[in-house]
Amino acid sequence: MYRNPILPESTASVWTKFALRLQAHVRAWLWTGLIAMGLSFTLAGLSRADTPLPPARDLQSSAVQAASRHQPLVVMFSYPGCTYCERLRKSTYQWLVKDGYAVQQVEMEPDYRLLGFDGKPTTGKALAQKYGVQLAPTVLFFGPGGREVAGRLAGAGQPDFYQAFVDRALKEGAAQLGANKEAPGRSQASLTPSGGGRSKAAA
């Protein structure tokens, strides 16, 4: 059937094309919105992402390796989402890792599994209970066998003073491990720091 091209299209045909164009625009808007939303969540997640520390997996082996270098094994006990833990990781402990110190992290959770200082399976929660750790962050300085060789640091402390306490603990631990290496007959009790290994620098 011949159709005059000058005559306007039928109303139904016009509305069909309009609906198809509108549908295409809506799809484009939706995809743009979803992509923008996903990108914003990704960037927000990156901005809040924790600074990684090596996770503790085998404390017995790690402590022996650190002691062979006259260094204590530095273990941070933390909780997921702990802002004070994150502050210390960024300001202090990531730099210790870069400087070659043995620094590891234990999450105080029942599903965090690792090998303890006796080589047997345990959990982060059980390990924290064993050492009386209740506050996150708490940082302990270990020698072989799970012996504390320096005063522990509980809490985040004051930024201006915290690094000084860490430096003191590292020196104390190195001295204890050096003395233990030179005089293997000394008892572990004689090498335990005074005050039960608890730092007065706790915040």
N, C-alpha and C. Protein backbone atom coordinates (compact mmCIF):
# COMPACT_ATOMS: atom_id res chain seq x y z
N MET A 1 0.86 -1.19 0.00
CA MET A 1 0.00 0.00 0.00
C MET A 1 0.89 1.23 0.00
N TYR A 2 0.62 2.14 -0.87
CA TYR A 2 1.43 3.36 -0.98
C TYR A 2 1.10 4.30 0.16
N ARG A 3 2.17 4.91 0.72
CA ARG A 3 1.97 5.85 1.83
C ARG A 3 2.67 7.14 1.49
N ASN A 4 1.98 8.23 1.65
CA ASN A 4 2.53 9.55 1.37
C ASN A 4 3.55 9.90 2.45
N PRO A 5 4.81 10.08 2.10
CA PRO A 5 5.84 10.37 3.13
C PRO A 5 5.64 11.69 3.83
N ILE A 6 4.84 12.56 3.28
CA ILE A 6 4.62 13.86 3.91
C ILE A 6 3.65 13.75 5.07
N LEU A 7 2.80 12.74 5.02
CA LEU A 7 1.80 12.60 6.09
C LEU A 7 2.49 12.19 7.38
N PRO A 8 2.01 12.67 8.51
CA PRO A 8 2.62 12.30 9.81
C PRO A 8 2.39 10.84 10.12
N GLU A 9 3.33 10.28 10.95
CA GLU A 9 3.19 8.90 11.37
C GLU A 9 1.98 8.79 12.30
N SER A 10 1.53 7.57 12.46
CA SER A 10 0.39 7.34 13.35
C SER A 10 0.80 7.62 14.78
N THR A 11 -0.17 7.97 15.58
CA THR A 11 0.09 8.28 17.00
C THR A 11 0.71 7.10 17.72
N ALA A 12 0.25 5.88 17.43
CA ALA A 12 0.79 4.69 18.09
C ALA A 12 2.26 4.50 17.78
N SER A 13 2.64 4.74 16.51
CA SER A 13 4.03 4.58 16.11
C SER A 13 4.93 5.60 16.80
N VAL A 14 4.45 6.83 16.94
CA VAL A 14 5.22 7.88 17.63
C VAL A 14 5.45 7.51 19.08
N TRP A 15 4.40 7.06 19.75
CA TRP A 15 4.52 6.70 21.17
C TRP A 15 5.41 5.48 21.37
N THR A 16 5.40 4.56 20.41
CA THR A 16 6.26 3.38 20.51
C THR A 16 7.72 3.78 20.45
N LYS A 17 8.07 4.66 19.50
CA LYS A 17 9.45 5.12 19.39
C LYS A 17 9.88 5.93 20.62
N PHE A 18 8.95 6.74 21.13
CA PHE A 18 9.25 7.54 22.32
C PHE A 18 9.54 6.63 23.52
N ALA A 19 8.70 5.59 23.65
CA ALA A 19 8.88 4.66 24.77
C ALA A 19 10.21 3.93 24.67
N LEU A 20 10.59 3.53 23.45
CA LEU A 20 11.88 2.84 23.27
C LEU A 20 13.06 3.75 23.60
N ARG A 21 12.96 5.02 23.17
CA ARG A 21 14.04 5.97 23.49
C ARG A 21 14.12 6.23 24.99
N LEU A 22 12.95 6.37 25.62
CA LEU A 22 12.92 6.60 27.05
C LEU A 22 13.52 5.42 27.81
N GLN A 23 13.18 4.23 27.36
CA GLN A 23 13.72 3.02 27.99
C GLN A 23 15.24 2.97 27.88
N ALA A 24 15.76 3.34 26.71
CA ALA A 24 17.22 3.35 26.52
C ALA A 24 17.89 4.36 27.43
N HIS A 25 17.25 5.55 27.57
CA HIS A 25 17.82 6.58 28.46
C HIS A 25 17.78 6.13 29.91
N VAL A 26 16.69 5.51 30.32
CA VAL A 26 16.57 5.05 31.71
C VAL A 26 17.65 4.01 32.02
N ARG A 27 17.86 3.08 31.06
CA ARG A 27 18.91 2.08 31.25
C ARG A 27 20.29 2.73 31.39
N ALA A 28 20.54 3.71 30.56
CA ALA A 28 21.84 4.41 30.63
C ALA A 28 22.00 5.12 31.97
N TRP A 29 20.92 5.77 32.43
CA TRP A 29 20.99 6.46 33.73
C TRP A 29 21.25 5.46 34.86
N LEU A 30 20.53 4.33 34.79
CA LEU A 30 20.69 3.32 35.85
C LEU A 30 22.11 2.78 35.89
N TRP A 31 22.67 2.45 34.72
CA TRP A 31 24.03 1.94 34.69
C TRP A 31 25.03 2.97 35.18
N THR A 32 24.82 4.21 34.78
CA THR A 32 25.72 5.28 35.24
C THR A 32 25.66 5.42 36.74
N GLY A 33 24.43 5.39 37.28
CA GLY A 33 24.26 5.51 38.73
C GLY A 33 24.89 4.35 39.48
N LEU A 34 24.69 3.13 38.97
CA LEU A 34 25.26 1.96 39.64
C LEU A 34 26.79 1.99 39.61
N ILE A 35 27.34 2.38 38.46
CA ILE A 35 28.80 2.45 38.36
C ILE A 35 29.35 3.51 39.31
N ALA A 36 28.70 4.66 39.36
CA ALA A 36 29.15 5.73 40.26
C ALA A 36 29.05 5.30 41.71
N MET A 37 27.94 4.60 42.05
CA MET A 37 27.76 4.14 43.43
C MET A 37 28.82 3.10 43.80
N GLY A 38 29.07 2.18 42.87
CA GLY A 38 30.09 1.17 43.14
C GLY A 38 31.46 1.78 43.31
N LEU A 39 31.77 2.76 42.48
CA LEU A 39 33.07 3.43 42.58
C LEU A 39 33.21 4.17 43.90
N SER A 40 32.13 4.82 44.33
CA SER A 40 32.19 5.56 45.60
C SER A 40 32.39 4.62 46.77
N PHE A 41 31.69 3.45 46.73
CA PHE A 41 31.88 2.48 47.82
C PHE A 41 33.29 1.91 47.80
N THR A 42 33.82 1.68 46.61
CA THR A 42 35.18 1.15 46.51
C THR A 42 36.20 2.13 47.06
N LEU A 43 36.05 3.41 46.68
CA LEU A 43 36.99 4.42 47.17
C LEU A 43 36.85 4.61 48.67
N ALA A 44 35.60 4.57 49.16
CA ALA A 44 35.40 4.69 50.61
C ALA A 44 36.02 3.52 51.33
N GLY A 45 35.88 2.33 50.76
CA GLY A 45 36.48 1.15 51.37
C GLY A 45 37.99 1.23 51.40
N LEU A 46 38.57 1.74 50.31
CA LEU A 46 40.01 1.89 50.27
C LEU A 46 40.49 2.90 51.30
N SER A 47 39.72 3.95 51.49
CA SER A 47 40.14 4.98 52.44
C SER A 47 40.08 4.48 53.88
N ARG A 48 39.17 3.49 54.11
CA ARG A 48 39.05 2.96 55.46
C ARG A 48 39.80 1.65 55.65
N ALA A 49 40.43 1.17 54.60
CA ALA A 49 41.07 -0.15 54.68
C ALA A 49 42.18 -0.15 55.73
N ASP A 50 42.28 -1.26 56.44
CA ASP A 50 43.30 -1.38 57.46
C ASP A 50 44.68 -1.51 56.83
N THR A 51 45.67 -0.98 57.54
CA THR A 51 47.05 -1.16 57.14
C THR A 51 47.46 -2.57 57.52
N PRO A 52 47.90 -3.38 56.57
CA PRO A 52 48.18 -4.78 56.89
C PRO A 52 49.46 -4.96 57.70
N LEU A 53 49.39 -5.85 58.66
CA LEU A 53 50.57 -6.38 59.34
C LEU A 53 50.59 -7.88 59.06
N PRO A 54 51.76 -8.49 59.05
CA PRO A 54 51.80 -9.93 58.83
C PRO A 54 50.96 -10.67 59.88
N PRO A 55 50.05 -11.53 59.47
CA PRO A 55 49.23 -12.26 60.44
C PRO A 55 50.06 -13.36 61.12
N ALA A 56 49.84 -13.53 62.40
CA ALA A 56 50.53 -14.59 63.14
C ALA A 56 49.93 -15.93 62.73
N ARG A 57 50.79 -16.87 62.31
CA ARG A 57 50.34 -18.20 61.92
C ARG A 57 51.05 -19.30 62.70
N ASP A 58 52.34 -19.09 62.99
CA ASP A 58 53.13 -20.08 63.72
C ASP A 58 54.04 -19.33 64.68
N LEU A 59 53.55 -19.09 65.88
CA LEU A 59 54.28 -18.27 66.84
C LEU A 59 55.57 -18.95 67.30
N GLN A 60 55.54 -20.25 67.42
CA GLN A 60 56.74 -20.97 67.87
C GLN A 60 57.90 -20.73 66.91
N SER A 61 57.66 -20.94 65.64
CA SER A 61 58.70 -20.75 64.63
C SER A 61 59.10 -19.29 64.51
N SER A 62 58.12 -18.39 64.55
CA SER A 62 58.43 -16.96 64.41
C SER A 62 59.28 -16.44 65.55
N ALA A 63 58.99 -16.89 66.76
CA ALA A 63 59.75 -16.42 67.93
C ALA A 63 61.19 -16.92 67.87
N VAL A 64 61.38 -18.16 67.44
CA VAL A 64 62.73 -18.70 67.33
C VAL A 64 63.53 -17.94 66.27
N GLN A 65 62.91 -17.66 65.15
CA GLN A 65 63.60 -16.93 64.08
C GLN A 65 63.97 -15.52 64.53
N ALA A 66 63.05 -14.85 65.22
CA ALA A 66 63.35 -13.50 65.70
C ALA A 66 64.48 -13.52 66.74
N ALA A 67 64.45 -14.49 67.64
CA ALA A 67 65.47 -14.58 68.68
C ALA A 67 66.84 -14.86 68.09
N SER A 68 66.89 -15.56 66.95
CA SER A 68 68.18 -15.84 66.31
C SER A 68 68.84 -14.55 65.84
N ARG A 69 68.06 -13.49 65.70
CA ARG A 69 68.60 -12.18 65.33
C ARG A 69 68.66 -11.25 66.55
N HIS A 70 68.48 -11.81 67.75
CA HIS A 70 68.45 -11.05 69.00
C HIS A 70 67.32 -10.01 68.99
N GLN A 71 66.21 -10.39 68.39
CA GLN A 71 65.04 -9.52 68.35
C GLN A 71 63.86 -10.22 69.01
N PRO A 72 63.03 -9.45 69.72
CA PRO A 72 61.79 -10.06 70.21
C PRO A 72 60.77 -10.18 69.07
N LEU A 73 59.87 -11.12 69.20
CA LEU A 73 58.74 -11.21 68.28
C LEU A 73 57.68 -10.25 68.79
N VAL A 74 57.36 -9.25 67.99
CA VAL A 74 56.40 -8.22 68.38
C VAL A 74 55.01 -8.65 67.90
N VAL A 75 54.09 -8.80 68.84
CA VAL A 75 52.74 -9.28 68.49
C VAL A 75 51.70 -8.26 68.95
N MET A 76 50.94 -7.75 67.99
CA MET A 76 49.83 -6.85 68.32
C MET A 76 48.54 -7.65 68.41
N PHE A 77 47.89 -7.58 69.56
CA PHE A 77 46.56 -8.17 69.72
C PHE A 77 45.54 -7.08 69.37
N SER A 78 44.64 -7.42 68.46
CA SER A 78 43.69 -6.40 68.00
C SER A 78 42.33 -7.03 67.73
N TYR A 79 41.37 -6.14 67.45
CA TYR A 79 40.04 -6.54 67.01
C TYR A 79 39.80 -5.98 65.62
N PRO A 80 39.00 -6.65 64.79
CA PRO A 80 38.65 -6.07 63.48
C PRO A 80 37.92 -4.74 63.67
N GLY A 81 38.32 -3.75 62.89
CA GLY A 81 37.68 -2.44 62.96
C GLY A 81 38.17 -1.56 64.09
N CYS A 82 39.22 -1.97 64.79
CA CYS A 82 39.76 -1.18 65.91
C CYS A 82 40.52 0.03 65.36
N THR A 83 39.99 1.23 65.59
CA THR A 83 40.61 2.44 65.04
C THR A 83 41.94 2.76 65.71
N TYR A 84 42.06 2.46 67.00
CA TYR A 84 43.32 2.71 67.70
C TYR A 84 44.41 1.76 67.19
N CYS A 85 44.01 0.51 66.90
CA CYS A 85 44.97 -0.44 66.32
C CYS A 85 45.47 0.06 64.98
N GLU A 86 44.54 0.56 64.18
CA GLU A 86 44.91 1.06 62.86
C GLU A 86 45.85 2.25 62.97
N ARG A 87 45.60 3.11 63.94
CA ARG A 87 46.47 4.27 64.12
C ARG A 87 47.91 3.85 64.42
N LEU A 88 48.06 2.84 65.27
CA LEU A 88 49.40 2.37 65.61
C LEU A 88 50.05 1.62 64.46
N ARG A 89 49.25 0.88 63.71
CA ARG A 89 49.82 0.19 62.55
C ARG A 89 50.41 1.19 61.57
N LYS A 90 49.68 2.27 61.34
CA LYS A 90 50.13 3.28 60.38
C LYS A 90 51.33 4.07 60.90
N SER A 91 51.30 4.41 62.18
CA SER A 91 52.30 5.34 62.70
C SER A 91 53.56 4.65 63.19
N THR A 92 53.48 3.40 63.59
CA THR A 92 54.62 2.76 64.23
C THR A 92 54.99 1.41 63.62
N TYR A 93 54.04 0.50 63.60
CA TYR A 93 54.42 -0.90 63.39
C TYR A 93 54.68 -1.26 61.93
N GLN A 94 54.06 -0.56 61.00
CA GLN A 94 54.42 -0.85 59.60
C GLN A 94 55.86 -0.44 59.33
N TRP A 95 56.33 0.58 60.05
CA TRP A 95 57.72 1.02 59.86
C TRP A 95 58.68 0.02 60.51
N LEU A 96 58.27 -0.60 61.60
CA LEU A 96 59.12 -1.63 62.20
C LEU A 96 59.28 -2.81 61.25
N VAL A 97 58.18 -3.18 60.58
CA VAL A 97 58.26 -4.27 59.60
C VAL A 97 59.24 -3.91 58.50
N LYS A 98 59.16 -2.68 58.00
CA LYS A 98 60.06 -2.24 56.93
C LYS A 98 61.51 -2.19 57.40
N ASP A 99 61.70 -1.96 58.71
CA ASP A 99 63.06 -1.93 59.25
C ASP A 99 63.59 -3.32 59.56
N GLY A 100 62.79 -4.35 59.31
CA GLY A 100 63.27 -5.72 59.47
C GLY A 100 62.90 -6.39 60.77
N TYR A 101 62.07 -5.77 61.59
CA TYR A 101 61.65 -6.40 62.83
C TYR A 101 60.53 -7.41 62.56
N ALA A 102 60.47 -8.41 63.42
CA ALA A 102 59.42 -9.43 63.31
C ALA A 102 58.18 -8.92 64.03
N VAL A 103 57.23 -8.41 63.27
CA VAL A 103 55.99 -7.87 63.82
C VAL A 103 54.81 -8.65 63.23
N GLN A 104 53.95 -9.14 64.09
CA GLN A 104 52.80 -9.90 63.63
C GLN A 104 51.55 -9.46 64.38
N GLN A 105 50.42 -9.81 63.83
CA GLN A 105 49.14 -9.40 64.42
C GLN A 105 48.27 -10.62 64.70
N VAL A 106 47.58 -10.58 65.84
CA VAL A 106 46.64 -11.62 66.23
C VAL A 106 45.29 -10.97 66.48
N GLU A 107 44.28 -11.43 65.76
CA GLU A 107 42.92 -10.96 66.00
C GLU A 107 42.33 -11.76 67.16
N MET A 108 41.79 -11.08 68.15
CA MET A 108 41.27 -11.77 69.34
C MET A 108 39.87 -12.31 69.08
N GLU A 109 39.80 -13.22 68.11
CA GLU A 109 38.53 -13.79 67.70
C GLU A 109 38.60 -15.32 67.80
N PRO A 110 37.47 -15.97 68.10
CA PRO A 110 37.49 -17.43 68.23
C PRO A 110 37.74 -18.16 66.92
N ASP A 111 37.49 -17.50 65.79
CA ASP A 111 37.71 -18.17 64.51
C ASP A 111 39.06 -17.82 63.89
N TYR A 112 39.90 -17.06 64.62
CA TYR A 112 41.25 -16.77 64.14
C TYR A 112 42.15 -17.91 64.63
N ARG A 113 42.62 -18.73 63.72
CA ARG A 113 43.36 -19.93 64.09
C ARG A 113 44.84 -19.78 63.76
N LEU A 114 45.66 -20.29 64.66
CA LEU A 114 47.11 -20.24 64.50
C LEU A 114 47.75 -21.30 65.36
N LEU A 115 49.07 -21.43 65.23
CA LEU A 115 49.83 -22.33 66.08
C LEU A 115 50.46 -21.50 67.19
N GLY A 116 50.30 -21.96 68.43
CA GLY A 116 50.83 -21.23 69.57
C GLY A 116 52.32 -21.44 69.76
N PHE A 117 52.84 -20.93 70.86
CA PHE A 117 54.26 -21.04 71.14
C PHE A 117 54.69 -22.48 71.45
N ASP A 118 53.71 -23.33 71.74
CA ASP A 118 54.01 -24.74 71.95
C ASP A 118 53.84 -25.57 70.68
N GLY A 119 53.55 -24.90 69.58
CA GLY A 119 53.37 -25.59 68.32
C GLY A 119 52.01 -26.23 68.13
N LYS A 120 51.11 -26.03 69.10
CA LYS A 120 49.78 -26.63 69.03
C LYS A 120 48.75 -25.63 68.52
N PRO A 121 47.70 -26.12 67.86
CA PRO A 121 46.66 -25.21 67.35
C PRO A 121 45.96 -24.47 68.48
N THR A 122 45.68 -23.21 68.25
CA THR A 122 44.94 -22.40 69.21
C THR A 122 44.18 -21.33 68.42
N THR A 123 43.54 -20.43 69.14
CA THR A 123 42.81 -19.34 68.50
C THR A 123 43.29 -18.01 69.07
N GLY A 124 42.97 -16.95 68.35
CA GLY A 124 43.34 -15.63 68.84
C GLY A 124 42.70 -15.30 70.18
N LYS A 125 41.45 -15.71 70.35
CA LYS A 125 40.75 -15.45 71.60
C LYS A 125 41.39 -16.22 72.75
N ALA A 126 41.71 -17.50 72.53
CA ALA A 126 42.32 -18.31 73.58
C ALA A 126 43.70 -17.78 73.94
N LEU A 127 44.45 -17.34 72.95
CA LEU A 127 45.79 -16.80 73.21
C LEU A 127 45.71 -15.51 74.02
N ALA A 128 44.75 -14.65 73.68
CA ALA A 128 44.57 -13.41 74.44
C ALA A 128 44.20 -13.72 75.89
N GLN A 129 43.34 -14.70 76.10
CA GLN A 129 42.96 -15.07 77.46
C GLN A 129 44.14 -15.64 78.23
N LYS A 130 44.97 -16.42 77.56
CA LYS A 130 46.13 -17.01 78.21
C LYS A 130 47.07 -15.94 78.74
N TYR A 131 47.24 -14.85 77.97
CA TYR A 131 48.16 -13.79 78.37
C TYR A 131 47.45 -12.62 79.06
N GLY A 132 46.18 -12.80 79.35
CA GLY A 132 45.46 -11.75 80.07
C GLY A 132 45.26 -10.48 79.29
N VAL A 133 45.18 -10.59 77.97
CA VAL A 133 44.99 -9.41 77.12
C VAL A 133 43.50 -9.16 76.97
N GLN A 134 43.05 -7.98 77.37
CA GLN A 134 41.64 -7.62 77.28
C GLN A 134 41.40 -6.36 76.45
N LEU A 135 42.44 -5.57 76.29
CA LEU A 135 42.31 -4.29 75.60
C LEU A 135 42.98 -4.34 74.24
N ALA A 136 42.32 -3.79 73.25
CA ALA A 136 42.92 -3.67 71.91
C ALA A 136 43.19 -2.19 71.63
N PRO A 137 44.40 -1.85 71.19
CA PRO A 137 45.52 -2.76 70.95
C PRO A 137 46.34 -3.02 72.19
N THR A 138 46.88 -4.22 72.29
CA THR A 138 47.91 -4.54 73.27
C THR A 138 49.05 -5.21 72.53
N VAL A 139 50.25 -4.74 72.76
CA VAL A 139 51.42 -5.26 72.05
C VAL A 139 52.35 -5.94 73.04
N LEU A 140 52.70 -7.19 72.74
CA LEU A 140 53.60 -7.97 73.58
C LEU A 140 54.88 -8.28 72.83
N PHE A 141 55.97 -8.45 73.58
CA PHE A 141 57.28 -8.70 73.02
C PHE A 141 57.74 -10.06 73.53
N PHE A 142 57.82 -11.03 72.61
CA PHE A 142 58.03 -12.42 72.99
C PHE A 142 59.42 -12.93 72.61
N GLY A 143 59.90 -13.85 73.45
CA GLY A 143 61.03 -14.67 73.12
C GLY A 143 60.54 -16.08 72.86
N PRO A 144 61.46 -17.01 72.62
CA PRO A 144 61.05 -18.40 72.39
C PRO A 144 60.25 -18.96 73.57
N GLY A 145 59.30 -19.81 73.25
CA GLY A 145 58.48 -20.42 74.30
C GLY A 145 57.34 -19.54 74.78
N GLY A 146 57.18 -18.36 74.18
CA GLY A 146 56.10 -17.48 74.61
C GLY A 146 56.42 -16.67 75.83
N ARG A 147 57.72 -16.54 76.15
CA ARG A 147 58.13 -15.76 77.31
C ARG A 147 58.19 -14.29 76.94
N GLU A 148 57.57 -13.44 77.74
CA GLU A 148 57.63 -11.99 77.51
C GLU A 148 59.00 -11.48 77.92
N VAL A 149 59.65 -10.79 77.01
CA VAL A 149 61.01 -10.33 77.26
C VAL A 149 61.09 -8.82 77.40
N ALA A 150 59.94 -8.15 77.41
CA ALA A 150 59.91 -6.69 77.60
C ALA A 150 58.52 -6.32 78.09
N GLY A 151 58.41 -5.10 78.61
CA GLY A 151 57.13 -4.64 79.11
C GLY A 151 56.11 -4.49 77.99
N ARG A 152 54.93 -5.00 78.22
CA ARG A 152 53.88 -4.91 77.20
C ARG A 152 53.32 -3.49 77.13
N LEU A 153 52.74 -3.15 76.01
CA LEU A 153 52.15 -1.83 75.81
C LEU A 153 50.66 -2.02 75.55
N ALA A 154 49.85 -1.57 76.50
CA ALA A 154 48.39 -1.70 76.38
C ALA A 154 47.79 -0.35 76.04
N GLY A 155 46.97 -0.31 75.01
CA GLY A 155 46.35 0.94 74.59
C GLY A 155 47.22 1.65 73.56
N ALA A 156 46.68 2.74 73.06
CA ALA A 156 47.38 3.48 72.01
C ALA A 156 48.38 4.48 72.56
N GLY A 157 48.21 4.92 73.80
CA GLY A 157 49.14 5.87 74.38
C GLY A 157 49.10 7.22 73.69
N GLN A 158 50.00 8.09 74.08
CA GLN A 158 50.13 9.41 73.48
C GLN A 158 51.09 9.33 72.29
N PRO A 159 50.69 9.86 71.13
CA PRO A 159 51.55 9.76 69.94
C PRO A 159 52.96 10.27 70.16
N ASP A 160 53.11 11.32 70.98
CA ASP A 160 54.44 11.91 71.19
C ASP A 160 55.36 11.00 72.00
N PHE A 161 54.78 10.08 72.79
CA PHE A 161 55.59 9.25 73.68
C PHE A 161 55.60 7.78 73.30
N TYR A 162 54.62 7.34 72.50
CA TYR A 162 54.45 5.91 72.25
C TYR A 162 55.70 5.30 71.60
N GLN A 163 56.25 5.97 70.61
CA GLN A 163 57.42 5.42 69.92
C GLN A 163 58.58 5.21 70.88
N ALA A 164 58.71 6.10 71.86
CA ALA A 164 59.79 5.96 72.83
C ALA A 164 59.61 4.69 73.66
N PHE A 165 58.36 4.36 74.01
CA PHE A 165 58.10 3.13 74.76
C PHE A 165 58.40 1.90 73.90
N VAL A 166 58.07 1.98 72.62
CA VAL A 166 58.36 0.87 71.71
C VAL A 166 59.87 0.66 71.60
N ASP A 167 60.60 1.75 71.42
CA ASP A 167 62.06 1.65 71.31
C ASP A 167 62.67 1.05 72.57
N ARG A 168 62.15 1.47 73.72
CA ARG A 168 62.66 0.93 74.99
C ARG A 168 62.38 -0.56 75.09
N ALA A 169 61.17 -0.98 74.68
CA ALA A 169 60.81 -2.40 74.75
C ALA A 169 61.67 -3.23 73.80
N LEU A 170 61.95 -2.71 72.62
CA LEU A 170 62.79 -3.43 71.67
C LEU A 170 64.21 -3.61 72.22
N LYS A 171 64.75 -2.57 72.84
CA LYS A 171 66.08 -2.66 73.43
C LYS A 171 66.09 -3.64 74.60
N GLU A 172 65.06 -3.57 75.41
CA GLU A 172 64.96 -4.48 76.56
C GLU A 172 64.87 -5.92 76.08
N GLY A 173 64.05 -6.14 75.05
CA GLY A 173 63.92 -7.49 74.52
C GLY A 173 65.22 -8.00 73.92
N ALA A 174 65.91 -7.14 73.18
CA ALA A 174 67.19 -7.54 72.59
C ALA A 174 68.20 -7.89 73.67
N ALA A 175 68.22 -7.11 74.76
CA ALA A 175 69.14 -7.39 75.85
C ALA A 175 68.80 -8.71 76.52
N GLN A 176 67.52 -8.97 76.74
CA GLN A 176 67.10 -10.23 77.36
C GLN A 176 67.49 -11.42 76.49
N LEU A 177 67.27 -11.30 75.20
CA LEU A 177 67.57 -12.42 74.30
C LEU A 177 69.07 -12.60 74.15
N GLY A 178 69.82 -11.48 74.16
CA GLY A 178 71.27 -11.59 74.11
C GLY A 178 71.82 -12.24 75.35
N ALA A 179 71.29 -11.86 76.53
CA ALA A 179 71.74 -12.44 77.79
C ALA A 179 71.39 -13.92 77.85
N ASN A 180 70.22 -14.25 77.34
CA ASN A 180 69.79 -15.64 77.35
C ASN A 180 70.68 -16.49 76.45
N LYS A 181 71.13 -15.90 75.32
CA LYS A 181 71.97 -16.63 74.38
C LYS A 181 73.37 -16.85 74.97
N GLU A 182 73.84 -15.85 75.74
CA GLU A 182 75.18 -15.95 76.30
C GLU A 182 75.20 -16.81 77.56
N ALA A 183 74.08 -16.86 78.27
CA ALA A 183 74.04 -17.62 79.52
C ALA A 183 72.83 -18.55 79.50
N PRO A 184 72.91 -19.65 78.72
CA PRO A 184 71.75 -20.52 78.55
C PRO A 184 71.34 -21.23 79.82
N GLY A 185 72.19 -21.25 80.85
CA GLY A 185 71.83 -21.94 82.08
C GLY A 185 70.90 -21.14 82.98
N ARG A 186 70.68 -19.86 82.68
CA ARG A 186 69.84 -19.04 83.55
C ARG A 186 68.40 -19.46 83.40
N SER A 187 67.66 -19.36 84.47
CA SER A 187 66.25 -19.75 84.44
C SER A 187 65.43 -18.69 83.74
N GLN A 188 64.28 -19.10 83.22
CA GLN A 188 63.39 -18.14 82.57
C GLN A 188 62.87 -17.13 83.57
N ALA A 189 62.68 -17.54 84.82
CA ALA A 189 62.15 -16.61 85.83
C ALA A 189 63.10 -15.45 86.04
N SER A 190 64.41 -15.73 85.97
CA SER A 190 65.37 -14.65 86.22
C SER A 190 65.43 -13.67 85.06
N LEU A 191 64.88 -14.08 83.89
CA LEU A 191 64.91 -13.21 82.74
C LEU A 191 63.61 -12.46 82.54
N THR A 192 62.60 -12.73 83.38
CA THR A 192 61.32 -12.06 83.22
C THR A 192 61.41 -10.63 83.72
N PRO A 193 60.94 -9.65 82.96
CA PRO A 193 61.02 -8.25 83.40
C PRO A 193 60.26 -8.04 84.68
N SER A 194 60.71 -7.10 85.48
CA SER A 194 60.02 -6.78 86.72
C SER A 194 58.65 -6.22 86.42
N GLY A 195 57.75 -6.38 87.36
CA GLY A 195 56.40 -5.87 87.19
C GLY A 195 55.53 -6.77 86.33
N GLY A 196 55.95 -8.05 86.17
CA GLY A 196 55.12 -8.98 85.42
C GLY A 196 55.06 -8.70 83.94
N GLY A 197 55.97 -7.87 83.45
CA GLY A 197 55.99 -7.60 82.03
C GLY A 197 54.94 -6.61 81.58
N ARG A 198 54.29 -5.92 82.49
CA ARG A 198 53.24 -4.96 82.12
C ARG A 198 53.83 -3.55 82.13
N SER A 199 53.58 -2.82 81.09
CA SER A 199 54.14 -1.47 80.96
C SER A 199 53.28 -0.46 81.69
N LYS A 200 53.89 0.50 82.31
CA LYS A 200 53.16 1.60 82.92
C LYS A 200 52.74 2.63 81.89
N ALA A 201 53.11 2.35 80.64
CA ALA A 201 52.75 3.28 79.57
C ALA A 201 51.38 3.00 78.99
N ALA A 202 50.65 2.08 79.62
CA ALA A 202 49.33 1.74 79.07
C ALA A 202 48.43 2.94 79.09
N ALA A 203 47.60 3.03 78.01
CA ALA A 203 46.69 4.17 77.90
C ALA A 203 45.31 3.72 78.29
